[in-house]
Protein backbone atom coordinates (compact mmCIF):
# COMPACT_ATOMS: atom_id res chain seq x y z
CA MET A 1 -74.52 -73.77 94.70
CA LEU A 2 -72.85 -72.05 91.77
CA SER A 3 -71.01 -69.20 93.41
CA SER A 4 -70.95 -65.84 91.68
CA SER A 5 -67.37 -65.41 92.85
CA VAL A 6 -64.77 -67.85 91.56
CA PRO A 7 -61.60 -68.54 93.59
CA ARG A 8 -58.54 -66.94 92.05
CA ARG A 9 -55.79 -69.21 90.80
CA LEU A 10 -52.30 -68.28 91.96
CA GLY A 11 -50.67 -66.03 89.35
CA THR A 12 -47.17 -67.43 89.89
CA VAL A 13 -48.39 -70.93 89.05
CA LYS A 14 -50.19 -69.64 85.97
CA ARG A 15 -47.12 -67.80 84.67
CA ALA A 16 -44.96 -70.87 85.23
CA ARG A 17 -47.33 -73.02 83.22
CA ARG A 18 -47.41 -70.55 80.36
CA ALA A 19 -43.66 -71.06 80.12
CA GLU A 20 -43.75 -74.86 80.01
CA GLY A 21 -43.22 -74.86 76.27
CA LYS A 22 -44.60 -76.94 73.44
CA VAL A 23 -46.83 -79.99 73.66
CA ALA A 24 -48.30 -82.30 71.04
CA MET A 25 -49.49 -81.03 67.67
CA GLY A 26 -47.65 -77.74 68.04
CA ALA A 27 -49.98 -76.41 70.74
CA THR A 28 -48.62 -74.13 73.39
CA SER A 29 -49.55 -74.96 76.97
CA PRO A 30 -51.88 -73.74 78.39
CA LEU A 31 -54.82 -74.58 76.14
CA ARG A 32 -56.65 -71.33 75.34
CA ILE A 33 -60.37 -72.08 75.44
CA GLY A 34 -63.06 -70.08 73.70
CA MET A 35 -66.42 -70.32 75.48
CA ILE A 36 -69.69 -70.23 73.55
CA GLY A 37 -72.31 -69.13 76.06
CA SER A 38 -72.18 -67.15 79.29
CA GLY A 39 -75.02 -68.68 81.30
CA PHE A 40 -75.38 -71.33 83.97
CA MET A 41 -73.29 -74.06 82.30
CA ALA A 42 -70.55 -71.69 81.12
CA ARG A 43 -70.19 -70.41 84.68
CA PHE A 44 -69.99 -73.97 86.00
CA HIS A 45 -67.12 -74.62 83.58
CA LEU A 46 -65.46 -71.40 84.69
CA GLN A 47 -65.66 -72.50 88.32
CA ALA A 48 -64.28 -75.94 87.40
CA MET A 49 -61.37 -74.54 85.36
CA VAL A 50 -59.83 -73.08 88.51
CA GLY A 51 -58.91 -76.67 89.37
CA VAL A 52 -57.56 -77.57 85.90
CA ARG A 53 -53.90 -77.26 84.93
CA ASP A 54 -52.74 -76.15 81.48
CA ALA A 55 -55.89 -74.20 80.55
CA VAL A 56 -57.12 -70.62 80.37
CA ILE A 57 -60.34 -69.12 79.03
CA GLY A 58 -59.17 -66.83 76.27
CA GLY A 59 -62.51 -65.56 75.01
CA VAL A 60 -66.29 -65.79 75.08
CA PHE A 61 -69.20 -65.27 72.74
CA SER A 62 -72.72 -64.63 73.99
CA PRO A 63 -75.40 -62.74 72.05
CA ASP A 64 -75.87 -60.44 75.04
CA ARG A 65 -72.94 -58.00 75.14
CA GLN A 66 -73.32 -57.18 78.82
CA ARG A 67 -73.35 -60.85 79.80
CA ARG A 68 -70.25 -61.70 77.80
CA GLU A 69 -68.41 -58.70 79.25
CA ASP A 70 -69.44 -59.75 82.76
CA PHE A 71 -68.26 -63.30 82.05
CA CYS A 72 -64.88 -62.04 80.89
CA ARG A 73 -64.49 -60.02 84.07
CA GLN A 74 -65.21 -63.15 86.13
CA VAL A 75 -62.62 -65.08 84.10
CA ASP A 76 -59.97 -62.42 84.67
CA ALA A 77 -60.82 -62.15 88.38
CA ALA A 78 -60.33 -65.91 88.71
CA GLY A 79 -56.85 -65.70 87.19
CA LEU A 80 -57.93 -67.69 84.12
CA GLY A 81 -57.51 -64.93 81.53
CA PRO A 82 -56.81 -62.70 79.85
CA CYS A 83 -60.29 -63.09 78.35
CA ARG A 84 -61.70 -61.10 75.45
CA THR A 85 -65.20 -60.89 74.01
CA PHE A 86 -66.15 -61.99 70.49
CA GLY A 87 -69.14 -61.06 68.32
CA SER A 88 -69.91 -64.55 67.01
CA ALA A 89 -69.06 -68.23 67.41
CA GLU A 90 -67.19 -68.08 64.10
CA GLU A 91 -65.00 -65.25 65.40
CA VAL A 92 -64.14 -67.32 68.48
CA ALA A 93 -63.16 -70.40 66.48
CA GLY A 94 -61.32 -68.37 63.86
CA SER A 95 -59.08 -66.51 66.29
CA ASP A 96 -55.45 -67.58 66.57
CA ASP A 97 -55.71 -66.64 70.24
CA ILE A 98 -58.03 -69.63 70.76
CA ASP A 99 -56.93 -73.29 70.67
CA ALA A 100 -60.21 -75.10 71.42
CA VAL A 101 -63.88 -74.24 71.80
CA TRP A 102 -66.39 -75.22 74.50
CA VAL A 103 -70.04 -75.08 73.29
CA ALA A 104 -72.35 -74.26 76.20
CA GLY A 105 -75.14 -72.20 74.67
CA PRO A 106 -78.84 -73.10 74.38
CA ASN A 107 -79.78 -76.39 72.71
CA ASP A 108 -81.47 -74.75 69.72
CA GLN A 109 -78.13 -73.15 68.77
CA ARG A 110 -76.02 -76.33 68.87
CA VAL A 111 -75.97 -77.00 65.13
CA ALA A 112 -75.43 -73.35 64.17
CA HIS A 113 -72.58 -72.98 66.67
CA VAL A 114 -70.76 -76.16 65.63
CA ARG A 115 -71.28 -75.35 61.94
CA ALA A 116 -69.72 -71.93 62.50
CA ILE A 117 -66.81 -73.51 64.39
CA ALA A 118 -66.22 -76.08 61.64
CA THR A 119 -66.27 -73.37 58.97
CA ALA A 120 -63.85 -71.14 60.86
CA ALA A 121 -61.52 -74.05 61.64
CA GLY A 122 -60.87 -74.57 57.95
CA ALA A 123 -59.64 -70.99 57.49
CA ARG A 124 -57.22 -70.85 60.44
CA ARG A 125 -53.46 -70.53 60.13
CA ARG A 126 -52.98 -72.83 63.14
CA PRO A 127 -55.17 -75.87 63.69
CA LEU A 128 -58.07 -75.74 66.10
CA LEU A 129 -57.24 -78.54 68.51
CA GLY A 130 -60.76 -79.51 69.52
CA VAL A 131 -64.39 -78.72 70.19
CA ALA A 132 -66.24 -79.84 73.31
CA CYS A 133 -70.04 -79.68 73.51
CA GLU A 134 -72.34 -79.67 76.51
CA LYS A 135 -75.11 -82.20 76.92
CA PRO A 136 -77.34 -82.97 75.13
CA LEU A 137 -75.53 -83.03 71.80
CA GLY A 138 -78.70 -81.81 70.08
CA ARG A 139 -82.47 -81.68 70.28
CA SER A 140 -82.85 -84.83 68.18
CA LEU A 141 -80.84 -87.74 66.85
CA ALA A 142 -80.67 -85.96 63.48
CA GLU A 143 -79.06 -82.91 65.08
CA ALA A 144 -76.60 -85.04 67.04
CA ARG A 145 -75.54 -86.91 63.91
CA GLU A 146 -75.12 -83.59 62.11
CA LEU A 147 -72.71 -82.42 64.82
CA VAL A 148 -70.69 -85.61 64.39
CA ARG A 149 -70.57 -85.04 60.62
CA LEU A 150 -69.58 -81.38 60.92
CA ALA A 151 -66.77 -82.06 63.39
CA GLU A 152 -65.32 -85.03 61.53
CA GLU A 153 -65.48 -83.46 58.08
CA ALA A 154 -63.61 -80.48 59.51
CA GLY A 155 -61.01 -82.84 61.02
CA LEU A 156 -61.77 -81.66 64.56
CA ASN A 157 -61.11 -83.66 67.69
CA HIS A 158 -64.39 -83.65 69.61
CA GLY A 159 -65.53 -84.22 73.17
CA TYR A 160 -68.96 -84.68 74.75
CA LEU A 161 -69.28 -82.88 78.08
CA GLU A 162 -71.12 -85.39 80.28
CA ASN A 163 -69.98 -84.46 83.77
CA GLN A 164 -71.51 -87.32 85.77
CA VAL A 165 -69.27 -89.86 84.04
CA PHE A 166 -66.31 -87.98 85.56
CA ALA A 167 -67.70 -87.58 89.09
CA PRO A 168 -65.08 -88.84 91.61
CA SER A 169 -67.57 -91.12 93.38
CA VAL A 170 -68.61 -92.69 90.07
CA ARG A 171 -65.00 -93.24 88.95
CA ARG A 172 -63.85 -94.66 92.28
CA GLY A 173 -66.96 -96.78 92.68
CA LYS A 174 -66.64 -98.32 89.24
CA GLU A 175 -62.96 -99.11 89.78
CA ILE A 176 -63.65 -100.93 93.08
CA ILE A 177 -66.70 -102.85 91.83
CA TRP A 178 -65.09 -104.15 88.66
CA ARG A 179 -61.72 -104.92 90.30
CA ARG A 180 -62.97 -106.60 93.47
CA ALA A 181 -66.58 -107.69 93.06
CA ALA A 182 -67.13 -108.34 89.35
CA ALA A 183 -63.85 -110.25 89.11
CA ALA A 184 -65.03 -112.60 91.87
CA SER A 185 -68.73 -113.02 91.14
CA GLY A 186 -69.53 -111.72 87.64
CA ARG A 187 -70.30 -108.50 85.79
CA PRO A 188 -72.90 -105.97 87.05
CA TYR A 189 -76.29 -106.43 85.45
CA LEU A 190 -78.37 -103.46 86.62
CA ALA A 191 -77.62 -99.75 86.89
CA ARG A 192 -80.12 -97.29 88.32
CA ALA A 193 -79.69 -93.54 88.02
CA SER A 194 -81.95 -90.63 88.85
CA GLU A 195 -81.61 -86.86 88.89
CA GLU A 196 -84.30 -84.63 90.36
CA HIS A 197 -84.80 -80.99 91.24
CA SER A 198 -87.54 -78.37 91.27
CA GLY A 199 -86.96 -76.93 87.80
CA PRO A 200 -84.41 -75.21 85.51
CA HIS A 201 -82.91 -71.74 85.89
CA ALA A 202 -83.60 -70.16 82.50
CA PRO A 203 -86.77 -69.78 80.37
CA TRP A 204 -85.44 -71.62 77.32
CA PHE A 205 -85.09 -74.87 79.29
CA TRP A 206 -88.87 -74.84 79.82
CA GLN A 207 -89.64 -74.19 76.13
CA ALA A 208 -89.89 -77.57 74.45
CA GLN A 209 -89.18 -76.36 70.91
CA ARG A 210 -86.01 -74.54 72.02
CA GLN A 211 -84.81 -77.18 74.43
CA GLY A 212 -85.96 -80.19 72.38
CA GLY A 213 -88.31 -81.64 74.97
CA GLY A 214 -88.78 -81.53 78.71
CA VAL A 215 -87.03 -83.18 81.61
CA LEU A 216 -86.37 -86.40 79.68
CA LEU A 217 -84.06 -84.63 77.23
CA ASP A 218 -82.68 -82.20 79.79
CA MET A 219 -81.70 -84.67 82.51
CA LEU A 220 -82.18 -88.31 81.53
CA CYS A 221 -79.22 -87.79 79.20
CA HIS A 222 -77.10 -87.70 82.38
CA SER A 223 -78.73 -90.73 83.94
CA PHE A 224 -78.48 -92.98 80.89
CA GLU A 225 -74.85 -92.20 80.15
CA VAL A 226 -73.58 -92.58 83.72
CA ALA A 227 -75.43 -95.91 83.95
CA ARG A 228 -73.98 -97.06 80.62
CA PHE A 229 -70.52 -96.06 81.81
CA LEU A 230 -70.82 -98.08 85.01
CA LEU A 231 -72.05 -101.15 83.13
CA THR A 232 -69.22 -100.98 80.56
CA GLU A 233 -66.28 -103.27 81.35
CA PRO A 234 -63.11 -101.26 82.06
CA GLY A 235 -60.88 -101.02 79.01
CA GLN A 236 -63.79 -101.63 76.62
CA PRO A 237 -65.46 -98.95 74.49
CA ARG A 238 -68.99 -97.86 75.31
CA THR A 239 -70.02 -99.52 72.03
CA SER A 240 -69.29 -102.90 73.63
CA LEU A 241 -72.82 -102.56 75.02
CA ARG A 242 -75.48 -102.61 72.30
CA LEU A 243 -78.79 -100.90 72.97
CA GLU A 244 -81.56 -103.41 72.33
CA SER A 245 -84.83 -101.92 73.62
CA ALA A 246 -86.31 -98.92 75.41
CA THR A 247 -89.53 -98.44 77.35
CA GLY A 248 -90.39 -94.92 78.45
CA THR A 249 -92.98 -93.03 80.48
CA VAL A 250 -93.46 -89.26 80.66
CA ALA A 251 -95.90 -87.13 82.64
CA SER A 252 -96.66 -83.54 83.63
CA LEU A 253 -97.25 -83.83 87.35
CA LYS A 254 -96.63 -80.41 88.89
CA TRP A 255 -96.08 -77.60 86.43
CA THR A 256 -99.42 -77.97 84.61
CA GLN A 257 -101.36 -77.29 87.81
CA PRO A 258 -102.98 -73.79 87.66
CA ARG A 259 -100.99 -72.45 90.63
CA TYR A 260 -97.67 -73.48 89.11
CA ILE A 261 -98.59 -72.35 85.59
CA SER A 262 -99.01 -68.89 87.09
CA GLN A 263 -95.76 -69.20 89.04
CA LEU A 264 -93.84 -70.09 85.89
CA ARG A 265 -95.23 -67.07 84.04
CA GLN A 266 -94.21 -64.79 86.91
CA THR A 267 -90.65 -66.14 87.19
CA MET A 268 -89.88 -67.01 83.55
CA GLY A 269 -92.04 -64.55 81.62
CA ASP A 270 -94.87 -64.96 79.13
CA VAL A 271 -92.68 -67.04 76.79
CA VAL A 272 -93.20 -69.98 79.17
CA ASP A 273 -96.91 -70.88 79.06
CA TYR A 274 -97.58 -74.33 80.45
CA ALA A 275 -101.34 -73.82 80.10
CA THR A 276 -101.02 -74.15 76.32
CA ARG A 277 -97.54 -75.55 75.66
CA PRO A 278 -96.30 -77.76 78.52
CA ALA A 279 -93.42 -80.22 78.51
CA GLU A 280 -93.04 -83.26 80.72
CA ASP A 281 -91.69 -82.69 84.23
CA PHE A 282 -91.29 -86.41 84.99
CA ALA A 283 -89.68 -89.16 82.91
CA ARG A 284 -88.75 -92.76 83.51
CA GLY A 285 -87.04 -95.26 81.25
CA THR A 286 -86.01 -98.90 81.24
CA LEU A 287 -83.38 -99.75 78.65
CA THR A 288 -81.97 -103.17 77.80
CA LEU A 289 -78.42 -103.47 76.48
CA ARG A 290 -76.45 -106.56 75.53
CA ASP A 291 -72.73 -107.10 76.03
CA GLN A 292 -70.32 -108.81 73.65
CA GLN A 293 -70.88 -112.17 75.32
CA GLY A 294 -74.63 -111.89 74.75
CA ALA A 295 -75.59 -111.14 78.36
CA ALA A 296 -78.43 -108.66 78.92
CA VAL A 297 -77.91 -105.70 81.28
CA LEU A 298 -80.50 -103.14 82.33
CA VAL A 299 -80.57 -99.40 82.90
CA GLU A 300 -83.36 -97.91 85.01
CA ALA A 301 -83.37 -94.11 84.79
CA SER A 302 -85.74 -91.50 86.15
CA THR A 303 -85.73 -87.71 86.20
CA SER A 304 -87.98 -84.98 87.51
CA TRP A 305 -88.49 -81.22 87.65
CA ALA A 306 -91.12 -81.83 90.34
CA TYR A 307 -88.89 -82.84 93.25
CA VAL A 308 -88.97 -80.45 96.19
CA GLY A 309 -86.34 -81.50 98.71
CA PRO A 310 -83.27 -79.65 100.00
CA GLY A 311 -81.99 -79.25 96.44
CA LEU A 312 -80.64 -81.19 93.45
CA ARG A 313 -80.59 -84.93 94.19
CA ILE A 314 -78.58 -87.42 92.15
CA GLN A 315 -78.84 -91.09 93.11
CA ILE A 316 -76.92 -93.88 91.42
CA GLU A 317 -76.83 -97.63 92.06
CA LEU A 318 -74.94 -100.49 90.45
CA LEU A 319 -76.00 -104.07 91.23
CA GLY A 320 -74.33 -107.40 90.52
CA PRO A 321 -74.51 -111.02 91.72
CA GLU A 322 -72.89 -110.42 95.14
CA TYR A 323 -72.52 -106.65 95.47
CA ALA A 324 -74.07 -103.20 95.21
CA LEU A 325 -72.83 -99.63 94.79
CA GLU A 326 -74.79 -96.62 96.06
CA ILE A 327 -74.23 -92.89 95.52
CA SER A 328 -76.42 -90.05 96.77
CA THR A 329 -75.29 -86.45 96.40
CA LEU A 330 -77.47 -85.28 99.30
CA SER A 331 -75.79 -87.70 101.73
CA THR A 332 -73.17 -85.07 102.43
CA GLY A 333 -70.51 -85.07 105.11
CA LEU A 334 -71.44 -81.52 106.01
CA ARG A 335 -74.89 -80.52 107.27
CA VAL A 336 -76.07 -77.37 109.01
CA PHE A 337 -79.15 -76.74 111.13
CA LEU A 338 -80.75 -73.31 110.97
CA SER A 339 -83.62 -72.56 113.35
CA ARG A 340 -86.75 -70.59 112.49
CA GLU A 341 -85.07 -67.58 114.05
CA VAL A 342 -82.46 -67.60 111.28
CA THR A 343 -83.90 -65.73 108.32
CA GLY A 344 -82.32 -64.35 105.20
CA GLN A 345 -82.39 -64.11 101.46
CA ALA A 346 -83.19 -67.20 99.38
CA GLY A 347 -80.21 -68.55 97.48
CA GLU A 348 -78.16 -71.54 96.36
CA ASP A 349 -75.27 -71.20 98.78
CA LEU A 350 -75.77 -74.68 100.28
CA VAL A 351 -76.70 -76.87 97.31
CA GLU A 352 -77.71 -76.41 93.66
CA LYS A 353 -81.47 -75.82 93.13
CA GLN A 354 -81.78 -75.13 96.86
CA ASN A 355 -85.36 -75.04 98.18
CA ALA A 356 -84.96 -73.96 101.81
CA GLU A 357 -82.87 -71.78 104.11
CA GLN A 358 -83.98 -73.30 107.42
CA GLY A 359 -83.96 -76.70 109.11
CA LEU A 360 -81.37 -79.45 108.77
CA MET A 361 -79.73 -78.85 105.38
CA PRO A 362 -77.04 -80.72 103.44
CA VAL A 363 -74.12 -78.66 102.19
CA VAL A 364 -72.24 -79.59 99.03
CA GLU A 365 -68.81 -78.15 99.70
CA ASP A 366 -67.48 -78.19 96.15
CA GLU A 367 -70.11 -78.83 93.48
CA ALA A 368 -67.74 -78.45 90.54
CA THR A 369 -65.66 -81.34 91.87
CA LEU A 370 -68.46 -83.51 93.29
CA TYR A 371 -70.54 -83.43 90.10
CA GLY A 372 -67.53 -84.17 87.87
CA TYR A 373 -66.93 -80.84 86.13
CA VAL A 374 -63.32 -80.46 87.28
CA ALA A 375 -62.29 -83.96 86.18
CA GLU A 376 -64.30 -83.64 82.96
CA ASN A 377 -62.55 -80.41 81.98
CA ARG A 378 -59.16 -81.75 83.03
CA HIS A 379 -59.70 -84.78 80.77
CA MET A 380 -60.81 -82.70 77.77
CA VAL A 381 -57.93 -80.24 78.11
CA GLN A 382 -55.32 -82.99 78.17
CA ALA A 383 -56.97 -84.89 75.32
CA PHE A 384 -56.95 -81.82 73.09
CA LEU A 385 -53.41 -80.76 74.03
CA ASN A 386 -52.07 -84.24 73.33
CA GLY A 387 -54.15 -85.07 70.24
CA ARG A 388 -56.07 -87.96 71.86
CA GLU A 389 -59.73 -88.73 71.30
CA PRO A 390 -61.60 -87.94 74.51
CA GLU A 391 -63.20 -90.75 76.46
CA GLU A 392 -66.58 -89.14 75.76
CA SER A 393 -66.88 -87.99 72.15
CA PHE A 394 -69.67 -86.73 69.91
CA HIS A 395 -70.31 -90.38 69.02
CA ASP A 396 -71.30 -90.99 72.64
CA GLY A 397 -73.52 -87.91 72.59
CA ALA A 398 -75.28 -89.27 69.49
CA ALA A 399 -75.72 -92.68 71.16
CA VAL A 400 -77.37 -90.95 74.11
CA LEU A 401 -79.76 -89.10 71.78
CA GLU A 402 -80.71 -92.38 70.12
CA ALA A 403 -81.68 -93.78 73.52
CA LEU A 404 -83.62 -90.65 74.48
CA MET A 405 -85.56 -90.57 71.21
CA ALA A 406 -86.42 -94.25 71.68
CA LEU A 407 -87.80 -93.45 75.14
CA TYR A 408 -89.84 -90.53 73.82
CA ARG A 409 -91.23 -92.68 71.01
CA SER A 410 -92.08 -95.47 73.46
CA ALA A 411 -93.87 -93.02 75.76
CA GLU A 412 -95.85 -91.60 72.82
CA THR A 413 -96.87 -94.97 71.36
CA GLY A 414 -97.24 -96.91 74.59
CA ARG A 415 -95.00 -99.67 73.26
CA THR A 416 -91.44 -100.83 73.81
CA VAL A 417 -89.12 -99.65 71.03
CA THR A 418 -86.72 -102.24 69.63
CA LEU A 419 -83.33 -101.03 68.39
CA PRO A 420 -81.99 -100.35 65.84
CA ASP A 421 -84.92 -98.27 64.57
CA GLU A 422 -84.13 -95.97 61.66
CA THR A 423 -87.35 -94.00 62.16
CA LEU A 424 -85.64 -92.43 65.17
CA ALA A 425 -83.34 -90.55 62.77
CA THR A 426 -86.17 -88.16 61.93
CA PHE A 427 -88.17 -88.44 65.15
CA ILE A 428 -89.02 -85.31 67.17
CA PRO A 429 -90.73 -85.58 70.56
CA ALA A 430 -94.39 -84.56 70.45
CA VAL A 431 -93.91 -81.60 72.83
CA ALA A 432 -91.18 -80.15 70.59
CA ARG A 433 -92.96 -80.44 67.23
CA PRO A 434 -93.95 -77.20 65.52
CA ARG A 435 -97.59 -76.22 65.91
CA PRO A 436 -99.78 -76.33 62.79
CA ALA A 437 -100.42 -72.93 61.30
CA ARG A 438 -103.70 -71.31 62.37
CA GLY A 439 -106.65 -72.05 60.14
CA ARG A 440 -105.33 -75.46 59.09
């Protein structure tokens, strides 16, 4: 339910915060963010920033001029500007009117965007305080490691934008479980996480070479990292859990059926042809990790682009010796019933990836908060302003890619992958590999 209109922040509050003065590292509050991208994720961050103190969106780059101009108008209307347009990612990062950069463009541009940011950062008069990148960190483990290298060689503070780790229900649930239950009966040993909907918004998500894969790369990145977060003891780094093995399954269940191949062509254009170049629309993984005391813990994750329910469904569980945690984003406090006499235009005004406008429907009142985008952006802004390493960094994004590549390799070979496995450094999922040239 990503609204096209963003609530306007009170101008008097904004002006007061601009006058707060200096913070760490010579930065002036608020943090002036440059946005790379103007699509679905960039607009989600815009909606979330209304609830974040000490931040404005000072500029945007998108290859489509009209879209970046429209995005700037939305920023200004929300009271988060003034926003200006830029002609390249390097121009954004090189501007002294920008303090940090959020990378939210398509996956196949990740390396080029971060390379441009790193190059521009070295030529600035004032330091660039940070770069934050949307999930996944790249299309492969090699790309993710390259982003780590680029950021660190440029001396940039870096953050990995994994929103589910910052969801209020996840944070509150973890705090209660570890404080009350784990302290009394032992650490949690199993985390389950799933995310399902009926398919992405934009054509490039469906194109395996551009996106890097199918639903496994697109969405299991969320499920693995939120599960790893819940299983990590409070106060310990995510590296206190060592990935030991991965067993994966992928399938094309819905979108390779003739009817839905035709539907994809009609809605996404001829560039999406699942008759000849499909990607998986279902993925499941079981991953074993080991803690510092040698105890094994499990992650069960599943994702799908073939789920047709009211809308996006995220389900999370955490199990231990004498307790359980359960989260379901469709178990909302607000529901509406609309009879068959109520008709209207299809939309996403009730829930993201909405599939119906009649019947008993859940309503997600504030998606940007519920899904963790507000808290995520609040955390990144404060980390960059105060010179702290974010809780989720590019290192975490690379760890997620290692797990995802292990699952893809397991699904392709039909065997469990044991970690560490250096062959994953050059591994590309089968659906994303370039096609052989004709005649060969």
